[in-house]
Amino acid sequence: MAHELANLLSDVGPIVFYLVVWGLVFAGTALFVGVFIPFITGDSLLFGAGILTGTHDDLSIWILAPGVGIAAVLGDQVGFWLGRRLGRPYLTKRNGRWVQAGIRRAERFYELFGWWSVVISRYIPWGRVFIPPIAGISGMKYWRFVTANIVGALSWGVLITVIGYFAAVNPSVRPIAYVVAGVVITISVAAGARAWILDRRARRSAEAVVATSGASRES
């Protein structure tokens, strides 16, 4: 990713580079792009952009990182309002078995964690795409969504970008930066795995209830 970003920077210059990075972060959630290309709109993009900023004097982390955070907040806002205005059909019409599986998983995740699901989902590739519209569909109060959205999107966007920057600019901090990045990625994977496990347990419990109910009627 860093190599591709370096080529982009050399081709278009700093201003367009910023706009492209911010646009990808925004589109990852607002336009569902993150469903199909999560690595180009998620952690890898931010970490690579941070590294590139640390090695190019014509780029500023003070411009890049806040912009990433704002783009992430705005992308989630669009997802929330699309869910609020268009309802469940907005997600139902999304094609693909694995997309629908991700939607069901995100719905369960939201049911389990509520406000925190919006914060945590920013660190989970499928979560950051599906949770905002699900929060809107579920009737989450807007002020509650805004607070969770700001905490999750800003921490994710700024943190990972700055970690990449320090991994490049300061050799003494580089090992710590890589460790922190590893921890963030591990937490993301763990949260996604936990949601998947809880979803499977919930479905098995529901199937067991249905089977028991059916057996009772037959008897």
C-alpha atoms as a PDB file:
ATOM      1  CA  MET A   1       0.000   0.000   0.000  1.00  0.00           C
ATOM      2  CA  ALA A   2       2.804   2.444   0.865  1.00  0.00           C
ATOM      3  CA  HIS A   3       4.370   1.859  -2.563  1.00  0.00           C
ATOM      4  CA  GLU A   4       1.091   2.602  -4.367  1.00  0.00           C
ATOM      5  CA  LEU A   5       0.595   5.728  -2.270  1.00  0.00           C
ATOM      6  CA  ALA A   6       4.131   6.891  -3.075  1.00  0.00           C
ATOM      7  CA  ASN A   7       3.397   6.534  -6.789  1.00  0.00           C
ATOM      8  CA  LEU A   8       0.172   8.470  -6.309  1.00  0.00           C
ATOM      9  CA  LEU A   9       1.993  11.280  -4.506  1.00  0.00           C
ATOM     10  CA  SER A  10       4.624  11.563  -7.224  1.00  0.00           C
ATOM     11  CA  ASP A  11       1.909  11.712  -9.886  1.00  0.00           C
ATOM     12  CA  VAL A  12      -0.569  14.165  -8.369  1.00  0.00           C
ATOM     13  CA  GLY A  13       1.196  16.133  -5.618  1.00  0.00           C
ATOM     14  CA  PRO A  14       0.345  16.715  -1.926  1.00  0.00           C
ATOM     15  CA  ILE A  15      -3.059  18.407  -2.211  1.00  0.00           C
ATOM     16  CA  VAL A  16      -4.617  15.774  -4.463  1.00  0.00           C
ATOM     17  CA  PHE A  17      -2.930  13.090  -2.349  1.00  0.00           C
ATOM     18  CA  TYR A  18      -4.724  14.372   0.754  1.00  0.00           C
ATOM     19  CA  LEU A  19      -8.019  14.525  -1.124  1.00  0.00           C
ATOM     20  CA  VAL A  20      -7.657  10.984  -2.447  1.00  0.00           C
ATOM     21  CA  VAL A  21      -6.887   9.534   1.005  1.00  0.00           C
ATOM     22  CA  TRP A  22      -9.749  11.434   2.617  1.00  0.00           C
ATOM     23  CA  GLY A  23     -12.077  10.512  -0.236  1.00  0.00           C
ATOM     24  CA  LEU A  24     -11.303   6.806   0.108  1.00  0.00           C
ATOM     25  CA  VAL A  25     -11.923   6.921   3.859  1.00  0.00           C
ATOM     26  CA  PHE A  26     -15.235   8.710   3.283  1.00  0.00           C
ATOM     27  CA  ALA A  27     -16.338   6.405   0.473  1.00  0.00           C
ATOM     28  CA  GLY A  28     -15.413   3.313   2.462  1.00  0.00           C
ATOM     29  CA  THR A  29     -18.504   3.783   4.639  1.00  0.00           C
ATOM     30  CA  ALA A  30     -20.679   6.390   2.916  1.00  0.00           C
ATOM     31  CA  LEU A  31     -20.696   4.591  -0.453  1.00  0.00           C
ATOM     32  CA  PHE A  32     -20.188   0.991   0.753  1.00  0.00           C
ATOM     33  CA  VAL A  33     -16.834   0.841  -1.037  1.00  0.00           C
ATOM     34  CA  GLY A  34     -15.298  -0.734   2.068  1.00  0.00           C
ATOM     35  CA  VAL A  35     -17.400  -3.856   1.523  1.00  0.00           C
ATOM     36  CA  PHE A  36     -15.516  -4.670  -1.662  1.00  0.00           C
ATOM     37  CA  ILE A  37     -12.071  -3.143  -1.091  1.00  0.00           C
ATOM     38  CA  PRO A  38     -11.576  -2.934   2.692  1.00  0.00           C
ATOM     39  CA  PHE A  39      -7.778  -2.809   2.473  1.00  0.00           C
ATOM     40  CA  ILE A  40      -7.838   0.279   0.235  1.00  0.00           C
ATOM     41  CA  THR A  41     -10.230   2.188   2.500  1.00  0.00           C
ATOM     42  CA  GLY A  42      -9.187   0.983   5.949  1.00  0.00           C
ATOM     43  CA  ASP A  43      -6.218   0.398   8.247  1.00  0.00           C
ATOM     44  CA  SER A  44      -3.680  -0.328   5.496  1.00  0.00           C
ATOM     45  CA  LEU A  45      -4.490   2.953   3.759  1.00  0.00           C
ATOM     46  CA  LEU A  46      -4.085   4.989   6.948  1.00  0.00           C
ATOM     47  CA  PHE A  47      -0.910   3.257   8.101  1.00  0.00           C
ATOM     48  CA  GLY A  48       0.647   3.564   4.621  1.00  0.00           C
ATOM     49  CA  ALA A  49      -0.345   7.228   4.320  1.00  0.00           C
ATOM     50  CA  GLY A  50       1.154   7.905   7.753  1.00  0.00           C
ATOM     51  CA  ILE A  51       4.435   6.220   6.793  1.00  0.00           C
ATOM     52  CA  LEU A  52       4.584   8.182   3.553  1.00  0.00           C
ATOM     53  CA  THR A  53       3.950  11.444   5.406  1.00  0.00           C
ATOM     54  CA  GLY A  54       6.835  10.679   7.750  1.00  0.00           C
ATOM     55  CA  THR A  55       9.233  10.277   4.820  1.00  0.00           C
ATOM     56  CA  HIS A  56       8.144  13.235   2.649  1.00  0.00           C
ATOM     57  CA  ASP A  57       8.733  16.822   3.726  1.00  0.00           C
ATOM     58  CA  ASP A  58       5.986  18.119   1.444  1.00  0.00           C
ATOM     59  CA  LEU A  59       3.335  16.241   3.465  1.00  0.00           C
ATOM     60  CA  SER A  60       2.109  17.229   6.939  1.00  0.00           C
ATOM     61  CA  ILE A  61       0.701  14.868   9.535  1.00  0.00           C
ATOM     62  CA  TRP A  62      -1.116  17.899  11.003  1.00  0.00           C
ATOM     63  CA  ILE A  63      -3.137  18.114   7.792  1.00  0.00           C
ATOM     64  CA  LEU A  64      -3.465  14.425   6.946  1.00  0.00           C
ATOM     65  CA  ALA A  65      -4.533  12.945  10.307  1.00  0.00           C
ATOM     66  CA  PRO A  66      -7.296  15.435  11.259  1.00  0.00           C
ATOM     67  CA  GLY A  67      -8.630  15.213   7.714  1.00  0.00           C
ATOM     68  CA  VAL A  68      -8.786  11.428   7.936  1.00  0.00           C
ATOM     69  CA  GLY A  69     -10.704  11.668  11.207  1.00  0.00           C
ATOM     70  CA  ILE A  70     -13.194  14.166   9.762  1.00  0.00           C
ATOM     71  CA  ALA A  71     -13.675  12.071   6.606  1.00  0.00           C
ATOM     72  CA  ALA A  72     -14.372   9.003   8.764  1.00  0.00           C
ATOM     73  CA  VAL A  73     -16.943  10.906  10.842  1.00  0.00           C
ATOM     74  CA  LEU A  74     -18.695  12.254   7.737  1.00  0.00           C
ATOM     75  CA  GLY A  75     -18.756   8.838   6.062  1.00  0.00           C
ATOM     76  CA  ASP A  76     -20.460   7.316   9.091  1.00  0.00           C
ATOM     77  CA  GLN A  77     -22.924  10.203   9.195  1.00  0.00           C
ATOM     78  CA  VAL A  78     -23.991   9.496   5.621  1.00  0.00           C
ATOM     79  CA  GLY A  79     -24.395   5.790   6.418  1.00  0.00           C
ATOM     80  CA  PHE A  80     -26.495   6.573   9.494  1.00  0.00           C
ATOM     81  CA  TRP A  81     -28.847   8.928   7.667  1.00  0.00           C
ATOM     82  CA  LEU A  82     -29.252   6.587   4.713  1.00  0.00           C
ATOM     83  CA  GLY A  83     -30.281   3.883   7.167  1.00  0.00           C
ATOM     84  CA  ARG A  84     -32.618   6.281   8.984  1.00  0.00           C
ATOM     85  CA  ARG A  85     -34.273   7.551   5.797  1.00  0.00           C
ATOM     86  CA  LEU A  86     -34.388   4.405   3.660  1.00  0.00           C
ATOM     87  CA  GLY A  87     -34.844   1.730   6.323  1.00  0.00           C
ATOM     88  CA  ARG A  88     -34.022  -1.980   6.145  1.00  0.00           C
ATOM     89  CA  PRO A  89     -34.569  -2.210   2.340  1.00  0.00           C
ATOM     90  CA  TYR A  90     -31.424  -0.088   1.965  1.00  0.00           C
ATOM     91  CA  LEU A  91     -29.413  -3.058   3.240  1.00  0.00           C
ATOM     92  CA  THR A  92     -31.643  -5.831   1.904  1.00  0.00           C
ATOM     93  CA  LYS A  93     -31.002  -4.819  -1.698  1.00  0.00           C
ATOM     94  CA  ARG A  94     -27.245  -5.262  -1.253  1.00  0.00           C
ATOM     95  CA  ASN A  95     -26.342  -8.282  -3.370  1.00  0.00           C
ATOM     96  CA  GLY A  96     -24.123 -11.136  -2.318  1.00  0.00           C
ATOM     97  CA  ARG A  97     -24.527 -13.908   0.201  1.00  0.00           C
ATOM     98  CA  TRP A  98     -21.449 -12.866   2.137  1.00  0.00           C
ATOM     99  CA  VAL A  99     -22.634  -9.248   2.193  1.00  0.00           C
ATOM    100  CA  GLN A 100     -25.948 -10.293   3.725  1.00  0.00           C
ATOM    101  CA  ALA A 101     -24.072 -12.480   6.216  1.00  0.00           C
ATOM    102  CA  GLY A 102     -22.009  -9.437   7.204  1.00  0.00           C
ATOM    103  CA  ILE A 103     -25.174  -7.391   7.653  1.00  0.00           C
ATOM    104  CA  ARG A 104     -26.702 -10.021   9.941  1.00  0.00           C
ATOM    105  CA  ARG A 105     -23.477 -10.208  11.929  1.00  0.00           C
ATOM    106  CA  ALA A 106     -23.413  -6.422  12.303  1.00  0.00           C
ATOM    107  CA  GLU A 107     -27.051  -6.377  13.437  1.00  0.00           C
ATOM    108  CA  ARG A 108     -26.237  -8.884  16.146  1.00  0.00           C
ATOM    109  CA  PHE A 109     -23.146  -6.879  17.102  1.00  0.00           C
ATOM    110  CA  TYR A 110     -25.269  -3.740  17.435  1.00  0.00           C
ATOM    111  CA  GLU A 111     -27.858  -5.572  19.554  1.00  0.00           C
ATOM    112  CA  LEU A 112     -25.134  -6.772  21.908  1.00  0.00           C
ATOM    113  CA  PHE A 113     -23.091  -3.578  22.333  1.00  0.00           C
ATOM    114  CA  GLY A 114     -25.341  -0.627  21.402  1.00  0.00           C
ATOM    115  CA  TRP A 115     -23.410   2.655  21.764  1.00  0.00           C
ATOM    116  CA  TRP A 116     -20.098   0.839  22.013  1.00  0.00           C
ATOM    117  CA  SER A 117     -20.748  -1.034  18.767  1.00  0.00           C
ATOM    118  CA  VAL A 118     -20.419   2.264  16.868  1.00  0.00           C
ATOM    119  CA  VAL A 119     -17.070   2.961  18.542  1.00  0.00           C
ATOM    120  CA  ILE A 120     -15.640  -0.551  18.205  1.00  0.00           C
ATOM    121  CA  SER A 121     -16.916  -1.079  14.668  1.00  0.00           C
ATOM    122  CA  ARG A 122     -14.476   1.511  13.331  1.00  0.00           C
ATOM    123  CA  TYR A 123     -11.705  -1.005  14.002  1.00  0.00           C
ATOM    124  CA  ILE A 124     -13.522  -3.875  12.230  1.00  0.00           C
ATOM    125  CA  PRO A 125     -13.609  -3.848   8.404  1.00  0.00           C
ATOM    126  CA  TRP A 126     -17.174  -5.127   7.995  1.00  0.00           C
ATOM    127  CA  GLY A 127     -18.361  -3.300  11.111  1.00  0.00           C
ATOM    128  CA  ARG A 128     -17.377   0.175   9.972  1.00  0.00           C
ATOM    129  CA  VAL A 129     -19.450  -0.279   6.806  1.00  0.00           C
ATOM    130  CA  PHE A 130     -22.605  -1.854   8.226  1.00  0.00           C
ATOM    131  CA  ILE A 131     -22.999  -0.515  11.776  1.00  0.00           C
ATOM    132  CA  PRO A 132     -23.799   3.157  10.911  1.00  0.00           C
ATOM    133  CA  PRO A 133     -26.804   2.352   8.672  1.00  0.00           C
ATOM    134  CA  ILE A 134     -27.960  -0.325  11.133  1.00  0.00           C
ATOM    135  CA  ALA A 135     -27.839   2.261  13.928  1.00  0.00           C
ATOM    136  CA  GLY A 136     -30.000   4.537  11.783  1.00  0.00           C
ATOM    137  CA  ILE A 137     -32.439   1.747  10.918  1.00  0.00           C
ATOM    138  CA  SER A 138     -32.674   0.709  14.571  1.00  0.00           C
ATOM    139  CA  GLY A 139     -33.729   4.205  15.633  1.00  0.00           C
ATOM    140  CA  MET A 140     -30.629   5.040  17.664  1.00  0.00           C
ATOM    141  CA  LYS A 141     -30.935   8.600  18.967  1.00  0.00           C
ATOM    142  CA  TYR A 142     -28.880  10.909  16.822  1.00  0.00           C
ATOM    143  CA  TRP A 143     -26.953  12.550  19.671  1.00  0.00           C
ATOM    144  CA  ARG A 144     -25.928   9.100  20.957  1.00  0.00           C
ATOM    145  CA  PHE A 145     -24.743   8.105  17.503  1.00  0.00           C
ATOM    146  CA  VAL A 146     -22.815  11.368  17.098  1.00  0.00           C
ATOM    147  CA  THR A 147     -20.879  10.896  20.338  1.00  0.00           C
ATOM    148  CA  ALA A 148     -20.010   7.287  19.513  1.00  0.00           C
ATOM    149  CA  ASN A 149     -19.224   8.223  15.921  1.00  0.00           C
ATOM    150  CA  ILE A 150     -16.807  10.966  16.958  1.00  0.00           C
ATOM    151  CA  VAL A 151     -15.023   8.784  19.532  1.00  0.00           C
ATOM    152  CA  GLY A 152     -14.674   5.815  17.193  1.00  0.00           C
ATOM    153  CA  ALA A 153     -13.942   7.557  13.900  1.00  0.00           C
ATOM    154  CA  LEU A 154     -11.520  10.141  15.274  1.00  0.00           C
ATOM    155  CA  SER A 155      -9.609   7.644  17.429  1.00  0.00           C
ATOM    156  CA  TRP A 156      -9.353   5.178  14.538  1.00  0.00           C
ATOM    157  CA  GLY A 157      -8.492   7.700  11.849  1.00  0.00           C
ATOM    158  CA  VAL A 158      -6.005   9.771  13.815  1.00  0.00           C
ATOM    159  CA  LEU A 159      -4.457   6.930  15.821  1.00  0.00           C
ATOM    160  CA  ILE A 160      -3.558   4.618  12.946  1.00  0.00           C
ATOM    161  CA  THR A 161      -2.353   7.460  10.725  1.00  0.00           C
ATOM    162  CA  VAL A 162      -0.126   8.880  13.479  1.00  0.00           C
ATOM    163  CA  ILE A 163       1.217   5.406  14.318  1.00  0.00           C
ATOM    164  CA  GLY A 164       2.298   5.025  10.688  1.00  0.00           C
ATOM    165  CA  TYR A 165       3.909   8.461  10.788  1.00  0.00           C
ATOM    166  CA  PHE A 166       5.984   7.703  13.889  1.00  0.00           C
ATOM    167  CA  ALA A 167       6.934   4.304  12.502  1.00  0.00           C
ATOM    168  CA  ALA A 168       8.665   6.173   9.694  1.00  0.00           C
ATOM    169  CA  VAL A 169       9.952   9.369  11.280  1.00  0.00           C
ATOM    170  CA  ASN A 170      11.457   8.212  14.578  1.00  0.00           C
ATOM    171  CA  PRO A 171      13.614   5.055  14.635  1.00  0.00           C
ATOM    172  CA  SER A 172      13.507   4.857  18.447  1.00  0.00           C
ATOM    173  CA  VAL A 173       9.699   4.932  18.441  1.00  0.00           C
ATOM    174  CA  ARG A 174       9.333   2.621  15.437  1.00  0.00           C
ATOM    175  CA  PRO A 175       9.203  -0.668  17.403  1.00  0.00           C
ATOM    176  CA  ILE A 176       6.565   0.767  19.740  1.00  0.00           C
ATOM    177  CA  ALA A 177       4.554   2.043  16.774  1.00  0.00           C
ATOM    178  CA  TYR A 178       4.560  -1.387  15.170  1.00  0.00           C
ATOM    179  CA  VAL A 179       3.547  -3.006  18.466  1.00  0.00           C
ATOM    180  CA  VAL A 180       0.657  -0.564  18.897  1.00  0.00           C
ATOM    181  CA  ALA A 181      -0.425  -1.172  15.300  1.00  0.00           C
ATOM    182  CA  GLY A 182      -0.301  -4.916  15.957  1.00  0.00           C
ATOM    183  CA  VAL A 183      -2.404  -4.522  19.089  1.00  0.00           C
ATOM    184  CA  VAL A 184      -5.006  -2.447  17.230  1.00  0.00           C
ATOM    185  CA  ILE A 185      -5.231  -5.029  14.458  1.00  0.00           C
ATOM    186  CA  THR A 186      -5.422  -7.878  16.989  1.00  0.00           C
ATOM    187  CA  ILE A 187      -8.245  -6.160  18.863  1.00  0.00           C
ATOM    188  CA  SER A 188     -10.067  -5.630  15.568  1.00  0.00           C
ATOM    189  CA  VAL A 189      -9.771  -9.317  14.690  1.00  0.00           C
ATOM    190  CA  ALA A 190     -10.753 -10.388  18.212  1.00  0.00           C
ATOM    191  CA  ALA A 191     -13.834  -8.150  18.229  1.00  0.00           C
ATOM    192  CA  GLY A 192     -14.888  -9.494  14.847  1.00  0.00           C
ATOM    193  CA  ALA A 193     -14.332 -13.093  15.976  1.00  0.00           C
ATOM    194  CA  ARG A 194     -16.320 -12.499  19.163  1.00  0.00           C
ATOM    195  CA  ALA A 195     -19.220 -11.072  17.178  1.00  0.00           C
ATOM    196  CA  TRP A 196     -19.109 -14.085  14.839  1.00  0.00           C
ATOM    197  CA  ILE A 197     -19.088 -16.548  17.756  1.00  0.00           C
ATOM    198  CA  LEU A 198     -21.947 -14.797  19.531  1.00  0.00           C
ATOM    199  CA  ASP A 199     -23.912 -14.690  16.291  1.00  0.00           C
ATOM    200  CA  ARG A 200     -23.469 -18.450  15.792  1.00  0.00           C
ATOM    201  CA  ARG A 201     -24.525 -19.133  19.385  1.00  0.00           C
ATOM    202  CA  ALA A 202     -27.602 -16.962  18.970  1.00  0.00           C
ATOM    203  CA  ARG A 203     -28.590 -18.756  15.771  1.00  0.00           C
ATOM    204  CA  ARG A 204     -28.097 -22.171  17.363  1.00  0.00           C
ATOM    205  CA  SER A 205     -30.219 -21.137  20.339  1.00  0.00           C
ATOM    206  CA  ALA A 206     -32.941 -19.871  18.003  1.00  0.00           C
ATOM    207  CA  GLU A 207     -32.823 -23.108  15.999  1.00  0.00           C
ATOM    208  CA  ALA A 208     -33.035 -25.134  19.201  1.00  0.00           C
ATOM    209  CA  VAL A 209     -36.081 -23.146  20.328  1.00  0.00           C
ATOM    210  CA  VAL A 210     -37.757 -23.687  16.960  1.00  0.00           C
ATOM    211  CA  ALA A 211     -36.966 -27.417  17.040  1.00  0.00           C
ATOM    212  CA  THR A 212     -38.298 -27.747  20.598  1.00  0.00           C
ATOM    213  CA  SER A 213     -41.420 -25.844  19.686  1.00  0.00           C
ATOM    214  CA  GLY A 214     -41.977 -28.060  16.663  1.00  0.00           C
ATOM    215  CA  ALA A 215     -41.501 -31.240  18.707  1.00  0.00           C
ATOM    216  CA  SER A 216     -43.970 -29.962  21.313  1.00  0.00           C
ATOM    217  CA  ARG A 217     -46.632 -29.344  18.677  1.00  0.00           C
ATOM    218  CA  GLU A 218     -46.121 -32.796  17.162  1.00  0.00           C
ATOM    219  CA  SER A 219     -46.538 -34.458  20.549  1.00  0.00           C
END
